[in-house]
PDB file of all heavy atoms in Angstrom:
ATOM      1  N   CYS A   1       0.846  -1.196   0.000  1.00  0.00           N
ATOM      2  CA  CYS A   1       0.000   0.000   0.000  1.00  0.00           C
ATOM      3  C   CYS A   1       0.882   1.247   0.000  1.00  0.00           C
ATOM      4  O   CYS A   1       1.969   1.250   0.577  1.00  0.00           O
ATOM      5  CB  CYS A   1      -0.885   0.035   1.248  1.00  0.00           C
ATOM      6  SG  CYS A   1      -1.943  -1.408   1.469  1.00  0.00           S
ATOM      7  N   SER A   2       0.408   2.315  -0.650  1.00  0.00           N
ATOM      8  CA  SER A   2       1.104   3.589  -0.689  1.00  0.00           C
ATOM      9  C   SER A   2       2.543   3.371  -1.191  1.00  0.00           C
ATOM     10  O   SER A   2       2.736   2.769  -2.238  1.00  0.00           O
ATOM     11  CB  SER A   2       1.062   4.241   0.697  1.00  0.00           C
ATOM     12  OG  SER A   2       1.457   5.587   0.654  1.00  0.00           O
ATOM     13  N   PHE A   3       3.574   3.812  -0.441  1.00  0.00           N
ATOM     14  CA  PHE A   3       4.937   3.638  -0.934  1.00  0.00           C
ATOM     15  C   PHE A   3       5.352   2.171  -0.974  1.00  0.00           C
ATOM     16  O   PHE A   3       6.294   1.805  -1.678  1.00  0.00           O
ATOM     17  CB  PHE A   3       5.927   4.449  -0.094  1.00  0.00           C
ATOM     18  CG  PHE A   3       7.204   4.780  -0.824  1.00  0.00           C
ATOM     19  CD1 PHE A   3       7.176   5.483  -2.018  1.00  0.00           C
ATOM     20  CD2 PHE A   3       8.425   4.386  -0.321  1.00  0.00           C
ATOM     21  CE1 PHE A   3       8.352   5.777  -2.705  1.00  0.00           C
ATOM     22  CE2 PHE A   3       9.614   4.682  -0.991  1.00  0.00           C
ATOM     23  CZ  PHE A   3       9.570   5.378  -2.184  1.00  0.00           C
ATOM     24  N   GLY A   4       4.637   1.328  -0.230  1.00  0.00           N
ATOM     25  CA  GLY A   4       4.859  -0.107  -0.368  1.00  0.00           C
ATOM     26  C   GLY A   4       4.522  -0.598  -1.760  1.00  0.00           C
ATOM     27  O   GLY A   4       5.092  -1.579  -2.241  1.00  0.00           O
ATOM     28  N   GLY A   5       3.582   0.098  -2.409  1.00  0.00           N
ATOM     29  CA  GLY A   5       3.260  -0.230  -3.788  1.00  0.00           C
ATOM     30  C   GLY A   5       4.418   0.035  -4.725  1.00  0.00           C
ATOM     31  O   GLY A   5       4.609  -0.677  -5.716  1.00  0.00           O
ATOM     32  N   TYR A   6       5.213   1.081  -4.418  1.00  0.00           N
ATOM     33  CA  TYR A   6       6.426   1.330  -5.219  1.00  0.00           C
ATOM     34  C   TYR A   6       7.397   0.156  -5.096  1.00  0.00           C
ATOM     35  O   TYR A   6       7.925  -0.337  -6.104  1.00  0.00           O
ATOM     36  CB  TYR A   6       7.120   2.621  -4.778  1.00  0.00           C
ATOM     37  CG  TYR A   6       8.583   2.637  -5.172  1.00  0.00           C
ATOM     38  CD1 TYR A   6       8.955   2.841  -6.497  1.00  0.00           C
ATOM     39  CD2 TYR A   6       9.582   2.375  -4.235  1.00  0.00           C
ATOM     40  CE1 TYR A   6      10.295   2.798  -6.881  1.00  0.00           C
ATOM     41  CE2 TYR A   6      10.918   2.337  -4.602  1.00  0.00           C
ATOM     42  CZ  TYR A   6      11.272   2.552  -5.924  1.00  0.00           C
ATOM     43  OH  TYR A   6      12.595   2.501  -6.299  1.00  0.00           O
ATOM     44  N   HIS A   7       7.657  -0.280  -3.855  1.00  0.00           N
ATOM     45  CA  HIS A   7       8.602  -1.392  -3.662  1.00  0.00           C
ATOM     46  C   HIS A   7       8.148  -2.628  -4.436  1.00  0.00           C
ATOM     47  O   HIS A   7       8.954  -3.298  -5.090  1.00  0.00           O
ATOM     48  CB  HIS A   7       8.719  -1.730  -2.175  1.00  0.00           C
ATOM     49  CG  HIS A   7       9.248  -0.630  -1.328  1.00  0.00           C
ATOM     50  ND1 HIS A   7      10.478  -0.051  -1.536  1.00  0.00           N
ATOM     51  CD2 HIS A   7       8.725   0.016  -0.250  1.00  0.00           C
ATOM     52  CE1 HIS A   7      10.695   0.896  -0.627  1.00  0.00           C
ATOM     53  NE2 HIS A   7       9.643   0.947   0.156  1.00  0.00           N
ATOM     54  N   ALA A   8       6.851  -2.916  -4.358  1.00  0.00           N
ATOM     55  CA  ALA A   8       6.319  -4.091  -5.045  1.00  0.00           C
ATOM     56  C   ALA A   8       6.445  -3.961  -6.554  1.00  0.00           C
ATOM     57  O   ALA A   8       6.896  -4.884  -7.244  1.00  0.00           O
ATOM     58  CB  ALA A   8       4.854  -4.298  -4.647  1.00  0.00           C
ATOM     59  N   ALA A   9       6.050  -2.802  -7.083  1.00  0.00           N
ATOM     60  CA  ALA A   9       6.083  -2.607  -8.539  1.00  0.00           C
ATOM     61  C   ALA A   9       7.517  -2.616  -9.059  1.00  0.00           C
ATOM     62  O   ALA A   9       7.808  -3.201 -10.110  1.00  0.00           O
ATOM     63  CB  ALA A   9       5.396  -1.293  -8.905  1.00  0.00           C
ATOM     64  N   ASN A  10       8.427  -1.976  -8.348  1.00  0.00           N
ATOM     65  CA  ASN A  10       9.807  -1.928  -8.811  1.00  0.00           C
ATOM     66  C   ASN A  10      10.405  -3.329  -8.865  1.00  0.00           C
ATOM     67  O   ASN A  10      11.077  -3.696  -9.842  1.00  0.00           O
ATOM     68  CB  ASN A  10      10.649  -1.036  -7.901  1.00  0.00           C
ATOM     69  CG  ASN A  10      12.041  -0.799  -8.445  1.00  0.00           C
ATOM     70  OD1 ASN A  10      12.214  -0.338  -9.569  1.00  0.00           O
ATOM     71  ND2 ASN A  10      13.053  -1.117  -7.651  1.00  0.00           N
ATOM     72  N   PHE A  11      10.142  -4.137  -7.833  1.00  0.00           N
ATOM     73  CA  PHE A  11      10.679  -5.494  -7.849  1.00  0.00           C
ATOM     74  C   PHE A  11      10.063  -6.308  -8.985  1.00  0.00           C
ATOM     75  O   PHE A  11      10.766  -7.032  -9.696  1.00  0.00           O
ATOM     76  CB  PHE A  11      10.440  -6.191  -6.510  1.00  0.00           C
ATOM     77  CG  PHE A  11      11.095  -7.542  -6.435  1.00  0.00           C
ATOM     78  CD1 PHE A  11      12.446  -7.651  -6.148  1.00  0.00           C
ATOM     79  CD2 PHE A  11      10.380  -8.707  -6.676  1.00  0.00           C
ATOM     80  CE1 PHE A  11      13.077  -8.888  -6.098  1.00  0.00           C
ATOM     81  CE2 PHE A  11      10.985  -9.944  -6.630  1.00  0.00           C
ATOM     82  CZ  PHE A  11      12.344 -10.037  -6.343  1.00  0.00           C
ATOM     83  N   ALA A  12       8.750  -6.180  -9.178  1.00  0.00           N
ATOM     84  CA  ALA A  12       8.081  -6.963 -10.219  1.00  0.00           C
ATOM     85  C   ALA A  12       8.573  -6.585 -11.610  1.00  0.00           C
ATOM     86  O   ALA A  12       8.823  -7.462 -12.451  1.00  0.00           O
ATOM     87  CB  ALA A  12       6.570  -6.765 -10.123  1.00  0.00           C
ATOM     88  N   PHE A  13       8.718  -5.306 -11.879  1.00  0.00           N
ATOM     89  CA  PHE A  13       9.083  -4.876 -13.224  1.00  0.00           C
ATOM     90  C   PHE A  13      10.572  -5.050 -13.502  1.00  0.00           C
ATOM     91  O   PHE A  13      10.972  -5.233 -14.657  1.00  0.00           O
ATOM     92  CB  PHE A  13       8.665  -3.416 -13.440  1.00  0.00           C
ATOM     93  CG  PHE A  13       7.173  -3.217 -13.416  1.00  0.00           C
ATOM     94  CD1 PHE A  13       6.617  -2.109 -12.794  1.00  0.00           C
ATOM     95  CD2 PHE A  13       6.326  -4.134 -14.002  1.00  0.00           C
ATOM     96  CE1 PHE A  13       5.247  -1.915 -12.770  1.00  0.00           C
ATOM     97  CE2 PHE A  13       4.943  -3.959 -13.987  1.00  0.00           C
ATOM     98  CZ  PHE A  13       4.401  -2.850 -13.363  1.00  0.00           C
ATOM     99  N   LYS A  14      11.409  -5.023 -12.472  1.00  0.00           N
ATOM    100  CA  LYS A  14      12.842  -5.288 -12.664  1.00  0.00           C
ATOM    101  C   LYS A  14      13.123  -6.777 -12.810  1.00  0.00           C
ATOM    102  O   LYS A  14      14.025  -7.168 -13.550  1.00  0.00           O
ATOM    103  CB  LYS A  14      13.652  -4.749 -11.473  1.00  0.00           C
ATOM    104  CG  LYS A  14      13.831  -3.249 -11.451  1.00  0.00           C
ATOM    105  CD  LYS A  14      14.744  -2.817 -10.319  1.00  0.00           C
ATOM    106  CE  LYS A  14      16.186  -3.192 -10.568  1.00  0.00           C
ATOM    107  NZ  LYS A  14      17.105  -2.621  -9.539  1.00  0.00           N
ATOM    108  N   HIS A  15      12.353  -7.592 -12.105  1.00  0.00           N
ATOM    109  CA  HIS A  15      12.625  -9.032 -12.053  1.00  0.00           C
ATOM    110  C   HIS A  15      11.350  -9.821 -12.366  1.00  0.00           C
ATOM    111  O   HIS A  15      10.909 -10.653 -11.556  1.00  0.00           O
ATOM    112  CB  HIS A  15      13.148  -9.409 -10.669  1.00  0.00           C
ATOM    113  CG  HIS A  15      14.236  -8.514 -10.161  1.00  0.00           C
ATOM    114  ND1 HIS A  15      15.489  -8.475 -10.728  1.00  0.00           N
ATOM    115  CD2 HIS A  15      14.243  -7.602  -9.143  1.00  0.00           C
ATOM    116  CE1 HIS A  15      16.237  -7.585 -10.079  1.00  0.00           C
ATOM    117  NE2 HIS A  15      15.508  -7.045  -9.128  1.00  0.00           N
ATOM    118  N   PRO A  16      10.751  -9.601 -13.519  1.00  0.00           N
ATOM    119  CA  PRO A  16       9.465 -10.261 -13.815  1.00  0.00           C
ATOM    120  C   PRO A  16       9.565 -11.776 -13.904  1.00  0.00           C
ATOM    121  O   PRO A  16       8.552 -12.460 -13.767  1.00  0.00           O
ATOM    122  CB  PRO A  16       9.057  -9.648 -15.156  1.00  0.00           C
ATOM    123  CG  PRO A  16      10.347  -9.203 -15.784  1.00  0.00           C
ATOM    124  CD  PRO A  16      11.196  -8.740 -14.632  1.00  0.00           C
ATOM    125  N   GLU A  17      10.774 -12.296 -14.115  1.00  0.00           N
ATOM    126  CA  GLU A  17      10.940 -13.753 -14.154  1.00  0.00           C
ATOM    127  C   GLU A  17      10.725 -14.381 -12.782  1.00  0.00           C
ATOM    128  O   GLU A  17      10.523 -15.599 -12.669  1.00  0.00           O
ATOM    129  CB  GLU A  17      12.328 -14.109 -14.674  1.00  0.00           C
ATOM    130  CG  GLU A  17      13.481 -13.835 -13.738  1.00  0.00           C
ATOM    131  CD  GLU A  17      13.885 -12.367 -13.636  1.00  0.00           C
ATOM    132  OE1 GLU A  17      13.302 -11.534 -14.363  1.00  0.00           O
ATOM    133  OE2 GLU A  17      14.783 -12.061 -12.827  1.00  0.00           O
ATOM    134  N   LYS A  18      10.727 -13.552 -11.727  1.00  0.00           N
ATOM    135  CA  LYS A  18      10.537 -14.045 -10.359  1.00  0.00           C
ATOM    136  C   LYS A  18       9.124 -13.804  -9.834  1.00  0.00           C
ATOM    137  O   LYS A  18       8.797 -14.254  -8.730  1.00  0.00           O
ATOM    138  CB  LYS A  18      11.526 -13.354  -9.404  1.00  0.00           C
ATOM    139  CG  LYS A  18      12.992 -13.496  -9.774  1.00  0.00           C
ATOM    140  CD  LYS A  18      13.465 -14.936  -9.652  1.00  0.00           C
ATOM    141  CE  LYS A  18      14.969 -15.036  -9.906  1.00  0.00           C
ATOM    142  NZ  LYS A  18      15.440 -16.441  -9.853  1.00  0.00           N
ATOM    143  N   VAL A  19       8.289 -13.072 -10.583  1.00  0.00           N
ATOM    144  CA  VAL A  19       7.023 -12.573 -10.051  1.00  0.00           C
ATOM    145  C   VAL A  19       5.843 -13.052 -10.897  1.00  0.00           C
ATOM    146  O   VAL A  19       5.851 -12.908 -12.120  1.00  0.00           O
ATOM    147  CB  VAL A  19       7.030 -11.030  -9.982  1.00  0.00           C
ATOM    148  CG1 VAL A  19       5.682 -10.500  -9.496  1.00  0.00           C
ATOM    149  CG2 VAL A  19       8.148 -10.549  -9.064  1.00  0.00           C
ATOM    150  N   ALA A  20       4.838 -13.592 -10.222  1.00  0.00           N
ATOM    151  CA  ALA A  20       3.620 -14.031 -10.907  1.00  0.00           C
ATOM    152  C   ALA A  20       2.465 -13.053 -10.724  1.00  0.00           C
ATOM    153  O   ALA A  20       1.584 -12.960 -11.586  1.00  0.00           O
ATOM    154  CB  ALA A  20       3.198 -15.404 -10.406  1.00  0.00           C
ATOM    155  N   HIS A  21       2.446 -12.321  -9.600  1.00  0.00           N
ATOM    156  CA  HIS A  21       1.339 -11.414  -9.293  1.00  0.00           C
ATOM    157  C   HIS A  21       1.890 -10.120  -8.692  1.00  0.00           C
ATOM    158  O   HIS A  21       2.795 -10.159  -7.856  1.00  0.00           O
ATOM    159  CB  HIS A  21       0.369 -12.048  -8.296  1.00  0.00           C
ATOM    160  CG  HIS A  21      -0.155 -13.384  -8.715  1.00  0.00           C
ATOM    161  ND1 HIS A  21      -1.258 -13.533  -9.530  1.00  0.00           N
ATOM    162  CD2 HIS A  21       0.287 -14.641  -8.444  1.00  0.00           C
ATOM    163  CE1 HIS A  21      -1.484 -14.820  -9.729  1.00  0.00           C
ATOM    164  NE2 HIS A  21      -0.554 -15.513  -9.092  1.00  0.00           N
ATOM    165  N   LEU A  22       1.306  -8.998  -9.107  1.00  0.00           N
ATOM    166  CA  LEU A  22       1.637  -7.695  -8.554  1.00  0.00           C
ATOM    167  C   LEU A  22       0.345  -6.999  -8.160  1.00  0.00           C
ATOM    168  O   LEU A  22      -0.524  -6.763  -9.003  1.00  0.00           O
ATOM    169  CB  LEU A  22       2.395  -6.843  -9.588  1.00  0.00           C
ATOM    170  CG  LEU A  22       2.518  -5.340  -9.275  1.00  0.00           C
ATOM    171  CD1 LEU A  22       3.315  -5.101  -7.988  1.00  0.00           C
ATOM    172  CD2 LEU A  22       3.156  -4.601 -10.456  1.00  0.00           C
ATOM    173  N   PHE A  23       0.215  -6.657  -6.871  1.00  0.00           N
ATOM    174  CA  PHE A  23      -0.954  -5.951  -6.375  1.00  0.00           C
ATOM    175  C   PHE A  23      -0.499  -4.680  -5.662  1.00  0.00           C
ATOM    176  O   PHE A  23       0.230  -4.759  -4.668  1.00  0.00           O
ATOM    177  CB  PHE A  23      -1.743  -6.807  -5.376  1.00  0.00           C
ATOM    178  CG  PHE A  23      -2.080  -8.184  -5.881  1.00  0.00           C
ATOM    179  CD1 PHE A  23      -1.827  -9.305  -5.082  1.00  0.00           C
ATOM    180  CD2 PHE A  23      -2.644  -8.379  -7.125  1.00  0.00           C
ATOM    181  CE1 PHE A  23      -2.145 -10.583  -5.524  1.00  0.00           C
ATOM    182  CE2 PHE A  23      -2.956  -9.654  -7.588  1.00  0.00           C
ATOM    183  CZ  PHE A  23      -2.700 -10.759  -6.780  1.00  0.00           C
ATOM    184  N   THR A  24      -0.901  -3.523  -6.169  1.00  0.00           N
ATOM    185  CA  THR A  24      -0.579  -2.268  -5.489  1.00  0.00           C
ATOM    186  C   THR A  24      -1.871  -1.585  -5.078  1.00  0.00           C
ATOM    187  O   THR A  24      -2.881  -1.652  -5.777  1.00  0.00           O
ATOM    188  CB  THR A  24       0.251  -1.329  -6.366  1.00  0.00           C
ATOM    189  OG1 THR A  24      -0.539  -0.877  -7.487  1.00  0.00           O
ATOM    190  CG2 THR A  24       1.509  -2.025  -6.877  1.00  0.00           C
ATOM    191  N   MET A  25      -1.836  -0.899  -3.943  1.00  0.00           N
ATOM    192  CA  MET A  25      -3.006  -0.216  -3.404  1.00  0.00           C
ATOM    193  C   MET A  25      -2.589   1.193  -3.010  1.00  0.00           C
ATOM    194  O   MET A  25      -1.830   1.383  -2.062  1.00  0.00           O
ATOM    195  CB  MET A  25      -3.549  -0.992  -2.202  1.00  0.00           C
ATOM    196  CG  MET A  25      -4.075  -2.381  -2.576  1.00  0.00           C
ATOM    197  SD  MET A  25      -4.001  -3.605  -1.250  1.00  0.00           S
ATOM    198  CE  MET A  25      -2.278  -4.117  -1.352  1.00  0.00           C
ATOM    199  N   GLY A  26      -3.035   2.171  -3.785  1.00  0.00           N
ATOM    200  CA  GLY A  26      -2.632   3.552  -3.520  1.00  0.00           C
ATOM    201  C   GLY A  26      -1.160   3.788  -3.758  1.00  0.00           C
ATOM    202  O   GLY A  26      -0.543   4.612  -3.080  1.00  0.00           O
ATOM    203  N   GLY A  27      -0.568   3.084  -4.708  1.00  0.00           N
ATOM    204  CA  GLY A  27       0.871   3.158  -4.940  1.00  0.00           C
ATOM    205  C   GLY A  27       1.307   4.424  -5.653  1.00  0.00           C
ATOM    206  O   GLY A  27       0.526   5.087  -6.343  1.00  0.00           O
ATOM    207  N   ALA A  28       2.577   4.770  -5.456  1.00  0.00           N
ATOM    208  CA  ALA A  28       3.245   5.840  -6.211  1.00  0.00           C
ATOM    209  C   ALA A  28       4.494   5.222  -6.813  1.00  0.00           C
ATOM    210  O   ALA A  28       5.180   4.439  -6.162  1.00  0.00           O
ATOM    211  CB  ALA A  28       3.610   7.004  -5.293  1.00  0.00           C
ATOM    212  N   PHE A  29       4.823   5.593  -8.061  1.00  0.00           N
ATOM    213  CA  PHE A  29       5.817   4.818  -8.798  1.00  0.00           C
ATOM    214  C   PHE A  29       6.955   5.636  -9.402  1.00  0.00           C
ATOM    215  O   PHE A  29       7.777   5.089 -10.122  1.00  0.00           O
ATOM    216  CB  PHE A  29       5.111   4.032  -9.916  1.00  0.00           C
ATOM    217  CG  PHE A  29       3.891   3.295  -9.433  1.00  0.00           C
ATOM    218  CD1 PHE A  29       2.629   3.765  -9.733  1.00  0.00           C
ATOM    219  CD2 PHE A  29       4.025   2.167  -8.646  1.00  0.00           C
ATOM    220  CE1 PHE A  29       1.494   3.101  -9.274  1.00  0.00           C
ATOM    221  CE2 PHE A  29       2.904   1.493  -8.175  1.00  0.00           C
ATOM    222  CZ  PHE A  29       1.631   1.964  -8.490  1.00  0.00           C
ATOM    223  N   ASP A  30       7.020   6.922  -9.114  1.00  0.00           N
ATOM    224  CA  ASP A  30       8.078   7.778  -9.658  1.00  0.00           C
ATOM    225  C   ASP A  30       8.879   8.347  -8.504  1.00  0.00           C
ATOM    226  O   ASP A  30       8.384   9.177  -7.736  1.00  0.00           O
ATOM    227  CB  ASP A  30       7.452   8.911 -10.480  1.00  0.00           C
ATOM    228  CG  ASP A  30       8.491   9.709 -11.271  1.00  0.00           C
ATOM    229  OD1 ASP A  30       9.695   9.596 -10.949  1.00  0.00           O
ATOM    230  OD2 ASP A  30       8.098  10.436 -12.192  1.00  0.00           O
ATOM    231  N   ILE A  31      10.140   7.908  -8.359  1.00  0.00           N
ATOM    232  CA  ILE A  31      10.933   8.326  -7.204  1.00  0.00           C
ATOM    233  C   ILE A  31      11.811   9.552  -7.496  1.00  0.00           C
ATOM    234  O   ILE A  31      12.599   9.953  -6.643  1.00  0.00           O
ATOM    235  CB  ILE A  31      11.789   7.156  -6.650  1.00  0.00           C
ATOM    236  CG1 ILE A  31      12.544   6.398  -7.740  1.00  0.00           C
ATOM    237  CG2 ILE A  31      10.909   6.172  -5.898  1.00  0.00           C
ATOM    238  CD1 ILE A  31      13.816   7.041  -8.147  1.00  0.00           C
ATOM    239  N   LYS A  32      11.662  10.164  -8.668  1.00  0.00           N
ATOM    240  CA  LYS A  32      12.485  11.352  -8.952  1.00  0.00           C
ATOM    241  C   LYS A  32      12.180  12.494  -7.984  1.00  0.00           C
ATOM    242  O   LYS A  32      13.001  13.382  -7.805  1.00  0.00           O
ATOM    243  CB  LYS A  32      12.292  11.801 -10.404  1.00  0.00           C
ATOM    244  CG  LYS A  32      12.923  10.842 -11.423  1.00  0.00           C
ATOM    245  CD  LYS A  32      13.004  11.456 -12.813  1.00  0.00           C
ATOM    246  CE  LYS A  32      11.659  11.664 -13.461  1.00  0.00           C
ATOM    247  NZ  LYS A  32      10.968  10.370 -13.762  1.00  0.00           N
ATOM    248  N   MET A  33      11.014  12.469  -7.352  1.00  0.00           N
ATOM    249  CA  MET A  33      10.679  13.497  -6.363  1.00  0.00           C
ATOM    250  C   MET A  33      11.598  13.430  -5.140  1.00  0.00           C
ATOM    251  O   MET A  33      11.662  14.380  -4.355  1.00  0.00           O
ATOM    252  CB  MET A  33       9.221  13.351  -5.920  1.00  0.00           C
ATOM    253  CG  MET A  33       8.944  12.121  -5.084  1.00  0.00           C
ATOM    254  SD  MET A  33       7.206  11.960  -4.604  1.00  0.00           S
ATOM    255  CE  MET A  33       6.565  11.121  -6.055  1.00  0.00           C
ATOM    256  N   PHE A  34      12.314  12.304  -4.977  1.00  0.00           N
ATOM    257  CA  PHE A  34      13.179  12.129  -3.804  1.00  0.00           C
ATOM    258  C   PHE A  34      14.658  12.334  -4.122  1.00  0.00           C
ATOM    259  O   PHE A  34      15.502  12.091  -3.255  1.00  0.00           O
ATOM    260  CB  PHE A  34      12.996  10.712  -3.247  1.00  0.00           C
ATOM    261  CG  PHE A  34      11.593  10.394  -2.838  1.00  0.00           C
ATOM    262  CD1 PHE A  34      10.815   9.532  -3.600  1.00  0.00           C
ATOM    263  CD2 PHE A  34      11.036  10.952  -1.699  1.00  0.00           C
ATOM    264  CE1 PHE A  34       9.518   9.235  -3.241  1.00  0.00           C
ATOM    265  CE2 PHE A  34       9.735  10.661  -1.319  1.00  0.00           C
ATOM    266  CZ  PHE A  34       8.970   9.808  -2.085  1.00  0.00           C
TER     267      PHE A  34
END
């Protein structure tokens, strides 16, 4: 959830061979703000 959605999405999209399901809830996905 929230920034946890970033962690989940980043891992899934970097390593899709390891991931079968990605669920984000209220996620943010652009870390250039930091």
